[in-house]
PDB file of N, CA and C in Angstrom:
ATOM      1  N   UNK A   1      73.974 105.676 105.594  1.00  0.00           N
ATOM      2  CA  UNK A   1      73.902 104.179 106.071  1.00  0.00           C
ATOM      3  C   UNK A   1      75.271 103.635 107.022  1.00  0.00           C
ATOM      4  N   UNK A   2      75.354 102.878 107.618  1.00  0.00           N
ATOM      5  CA  UNK A   2      76.211 102.554 108.654  1.00  0.00           C
ATOM      6  C   UNK A   2      76.706 100.951 108.081  1.00  0.00           C
ATOM      7  N   UNK A   3      77.942 100.704 108.408  1.00  0.00           N
ATOM      8  CA  UNK A   3      78.302  99.309 107.868  1.00  0.00           C
ATOM      9  C   UNK A   3      78.480  98.456 109.059  1.00  0.00           C
ATOM     10  N   UNK A   4      78.004  97.277 109.203  1.00  0.00           N
ATOM     11  CA  UNK A   4      77.684  96.641 110.460  1.00  0.00           C
ATOM     12  C   UNK A   4      77.945  95.019 110.029  1.00  0.00           C
ATOM     13  N   UNK A   5      79.270  94.504 110.438  1.00  0.00           N
ATOM     14  CA  UNK A   5      79.429  93.241 110.031  1.00  0.00           C
ATOM     15  C   UNK A   5      79.837  93.084 108.480  1.00  0.00           C
ATOM     16  N   UNK A   6      80.269  93.913 107.700  1.00  0.00           N
ATOM     17  CA  UNK A   6      80.461  93.921 106.216  1.00  0.00           C
ATOM     18  C   UNK A   6      79.179  93.938 105.457  1.00  0.00           C
ATOM     19  N   UNK A   7      78.221  94.475 106.241  1.00  0.00           N
ATOM     20  CA  UNK A   7      76.898  94.734 105.513  1.00  0.00           C
ATOM     21  C   UNK A   7      76.368  96.115 105.680  1.00  0.00           C
ATOM     22  N   UNK A   8      75.903  96.740 104.600  1.00  0.00           N
ATOM     23  CA  UNK A   8      75.522  98.158 104.780  1.00  0.00           C
ATOM     24  C   UNK A   8      74.180  98.159 105.032  1.00  0.00           C
ATOM     25  N   UNK A   9      73.828  99.045 106.155  1.00  0.00           N
ATOM     26  CA  UNK A   9      72.403  99.226 106.395  1.00  0.00           C
ATOM     27  C   UNK A   9      71.992 100.553 106.416  1.00  0.00           C
ATOM     28  N   UNK A  10      70.554 100.958 106.084  1.00  0.00           N
ATOM     29  CA  UNK A  10      70.220 102.242 106.088  1.00  0.00           C
ATOM     30  C   UNK A  10      70.109 102.843 107.643  1.00  0.00           C
ATOM     31  N   UNK A  11      69.604 104.034 107.743  1.00  0.00           N
ATOM     32  CA  UNK A  11      69.526 104.635 108.865  1.00  0.00           C
ATOM     33  C   UNK A  11      68.753 103.790 110.001  1.00  0.00           C
ATOM     34  N   UNK A  12      67.866 103.295 109.410  1.00  0.00           N
ATOM     35  CA  UNK A  12      66.809 102.416 110.379  1.00  0.00           C
ATOM     36  C   UNK A  12      67.431 100.844 110.592  1.00  0.00           C
ATOM     37  N   UNK A  13      68.135 100.602 109.352  1.00  0.00           N
ATOM     38  CA  UNK A  13      68.895  99.371 109.737  1.00  0.00           C
ATOM     39  C   UNK A  13      67.872  97.933 109.412  1.00  0.00           C
ATOM     40  N   UNK A  14      66.731  98.233 108.964  1.00  0.00           N
ATOM     41  CA  UNK A  14      65.742  97.304 108.911  1.00  0.00           C
ATOM     42  C   UNK A  14      65.932  96.707 107.718  1.00  0.00           C
ATOM     43  N   UNK A  15      66.566  97.238 106.575  1.00  0.00           N
ATOM     44  CA  UNK A  15      66.691  96.581 105.147  1.00  0.00           C
ATOM     45  C   UNK A  15      68.373  96.744 104.866  1.00  0.00           C
ATOM     46  N   UNK A  16      69.169  95.547 105.489  1.00  0.00           N
ATOM     47  CA  UNK A  16      70.461  95.441 105.104  1.00  0.00           C
ATOM     48  C   UNK A  16      70.534  94.988 103.741  1.00  0.00           C
ATOM     49  N   UNK A  17      71.524  95.453 103.104  1.00  0.00           N
ATOM     50  CA  UNK A  17      71.940  95.331 101.726  1.00  0.00           C
ATOM     51  C   UNK A  17      73.506  94.720 101.784  1.00  0.00           C
ATOM     52  N   UNK A  18      73.820  93.861 100.943  1.00  0.00           N
ATOM     53  CA  UNK A  18      75.296  93.337 100.967  1.00  0.00           C
ATOM     54  C   UNK A  18      76.113  94.585 100.451  1.00  0.00           C
ATOM     55  N   UNK A  19      77.165  94.558 101.125  1.00  0.00           N
ATOM     56  CA  UNK A  19      78.305  95.823 100.749  1.00  0.00           C
ATOM     57  C   UNK A  19      78.953  95.616  99.688  1.00  0.00           C
ATOM     58  N   UNK A  20      79.536  96.719  99.114  1.00  0.00           N
ATOM     59  CA  UNK A  20      80.056  96.782  97.763  1.00  0.00           C
ATOM     60  C   UNK A  20      81.588  95.720  97.810  1.00  0.00           C
ATOM     61  N   UNK A  21      82.097  95.150  96.706  1.00  0.00           N
ATOM     62  CA  UNK A  21      83.099  94.311  96.676  1.00  0.00           C
ATOM     63  C   UNK A  21      84.216  95.270  97.347  1.00  0.00           C
ATOM     64  N   UNK A  22      84.761  94.793  98.330  1.00  0.00           N
ATOM     65  CA  UNK A  22      86.167  95.555  98.831  1.00  0.00           C
ATOM     66  C   UNK A  22      87.001  94.574  99.614  1.00  0.00           C
ATOM     67  N   UNK A  23      88.429  94.723  99.310  1.00  0.00           N
ATOM     68  CA  UNK A  23      89.225  93.911  99.972  1.00  0.00           C
ATOM     69  C   UNK A  23      89.376  94.169 101.651  1.00  0.00           C
ATOM     70  N   UNK A  24      89.355  92.729 102.179  1.00  0.00           N
ATOM     71  CA  UNK A  24      89.535  92.783 103.580  1.00  0.00           C
ATOM     72  C   UNK A  24      90.751  92.786 104.230  1.00  0.00           C
ATOM     73  N   UNK A  25      90.902  93.362 105.393  1.00  0.00           N
ATOM     74  CA  UNK A  25      92.150  93.446 105.876  1.00  0.00           C
ATOM     75  C   UNK A  25      93.143  92.226 105.987  1.00  0.00           C
ATOM     76  N   UNK A  26      92.349  91.282 106.355  1.00  0.00           N
ATOM     77  CA  UNK A  26      92.818  89.822 106.607  1.00  0.00           C
ATOM     78  C   UNK A  26      93.250  89.409 105.105  1.00  0.00           C
ATOM     79  N   UNK A  27      92.390  89.309 103.996  1.00  0.00           N
ATOM     80  CA  UNK A  27      92.765  89.044 102.938  1.00  0.00           C
ATOM     81  C   UNK A  27      92.753  90.071 101.890  1.00  0.00           C
ATOM     82  N   UNK A  28      94.024  90.828 101.389  1.00  0.00           N
ATOM     83  CA  UNK A  28      94.080  91.650 100.558  1.00  0.00           C
ATOM     84  C   UNK A  28      93.584  91.177  99.087  1.00  0.00           C
ATOM     85  N   UNK A  29      93.044  91.891  97.951  1.00  0.00           N
ATOM     86  CA  UNK A  29      92.525  91.378  97.032  1.00  0.00           C
ATOM     87  C   UNK A  29      93.866  90.896  96.026  1.00  0.00           C
ATOM     88  N   UNK A  30      94.946  91.964  96.127  1.00  0.00           N
ATOM     89  CA  UNK A  30      96.121  91.379  95.520  1.00  0.00           C
ATOM     90  C   UNK A  30      97.378  91.061  96.483  1.00  0.00           C
ATOM     91  N   UNK A  31      97.407  89.923  96.792  1.00  0.00           N
ATOM     92  CA  UNK A  31      98.531  89.649  97.561  1.00  0.00           C
ATOM     93  C   UNK A  31      99.973  89.883  96.852  1.00  0.00           C
ATOM     94  N   UNK A  32     100.790  90.710  97.842  1.00  0.00           N
ATOM     95  CA  UNK A  32     102.089  91.035  96.799  1.00  0.00           C
ATOM     96  C   UNK A  32     103.144  89.966  97.099  1.00  0.00           C
ATOM     97  N   UNK A  33     103.805  89.577  96.139  1.00  0.00           N
ATOM     98  CA  UNK A  33     104.850  88.484  96.089  1.00  0.00           C
ATOM     99  C   UNK A  33     106.163  89.149  96.699  1.00  0.00           C
ATOM    100  N   UNK A  34     106.617  88.204  97.866  1.00  0.00           N
ATOM    101  CA  UNK A  34     107.868  88.661  98.602  1.00  0.00           C
ATOM    102  C   UNK A  34     108.827  89.179  97.681  1.00  0.00           C
ATOM    103  N   UNK A  35     108.993  88.437  96.580  1.00  0.00           N
ATOM    104  CA  UNK A  35     110.262  88.393  96.026  1.00  0.00           C
ATOM    105  C   UNK A  35     110.530  89.708  95.154  1.00  0.00           C
ATOM    106  N   UNK A  36     109.524  90.618  95.057  1.00  0.00           N
ATOM    107  CA  UNK A  36     109.761  91.923  94.721  1.00  0.00           C
ATOM    108  C   UNK A  36     110.682  92.778  95.381  1.00  0.00           C
ATOM    109  N   UNK A  37     110.540  92.719  96.850  1.00  0.00           N
ATOM    110  CA  UNK A  37     111.731  93.387  97.608  1.00  0.00           C
ATOM    111  C   UNK A  37     111.517  94.836  97.850  1.00  0.00           C
ATOM    112  N   UNK A  38     110.322  95.026  97.303  1.00  0.00           N
ATOM    113  CA  UNK A  38     109.418  96.635  97.662  1.00  0.00           C
ATOM    114  C   UNK A  38     109.384  96.895  99.046  1.00  0.00           C
ATOM    115  N   UNK A  39     108.990  95.652  99.825  1.00  0.00           N
ATOM    116  CA  UNK A  39     108.802  95.599 101.216  1.00  0.00           C
ATOM    117  C   UNK A  39     109.692  94.892 101.792  1.00  0.00           C
ATOM    118  N   UNK A  40     110.729  95.513 102.502  1.00  0.00           N
ATOM    119  CA  UNK A  40     111.895  94.774 103.104  1.00  0.00           C
ATOM    120  C   UNK A  40     111.670  94.782 104.624  1.00  0.00           C
ATOM    121  N   UNK A  41     110.406  95.309 105.150  1.00  0.00           N
ATOM    122  CA  UNK A  41     109.956  94.885 106.362  1.00  0.00           C
ATOM    123  C   UNK A  41     109.673  93.622 107.133  1.00  0.00           C
ATOM    124  N   UNK A  42     109.508  92.707 106.087  1.00  0.00           N
ATOM    125  CA  UNK A  42     109.199  91.534 106.221  1.00  0.00           C
ATOM    126  C   UNK A  42     110.149  90.670 106.984  1.00  0.00           C
TER     127      UNK A  42
END
């Protein structure tokens, strides 16, 4: 199966099915508070 636009399709691509829930690069599922100080690169 290949992932196209966040949608998983089979080899033929004729039957698209919703992709499993996964965090997007733009919006992480768990935003880390900056006050932790674990990431000082900010």
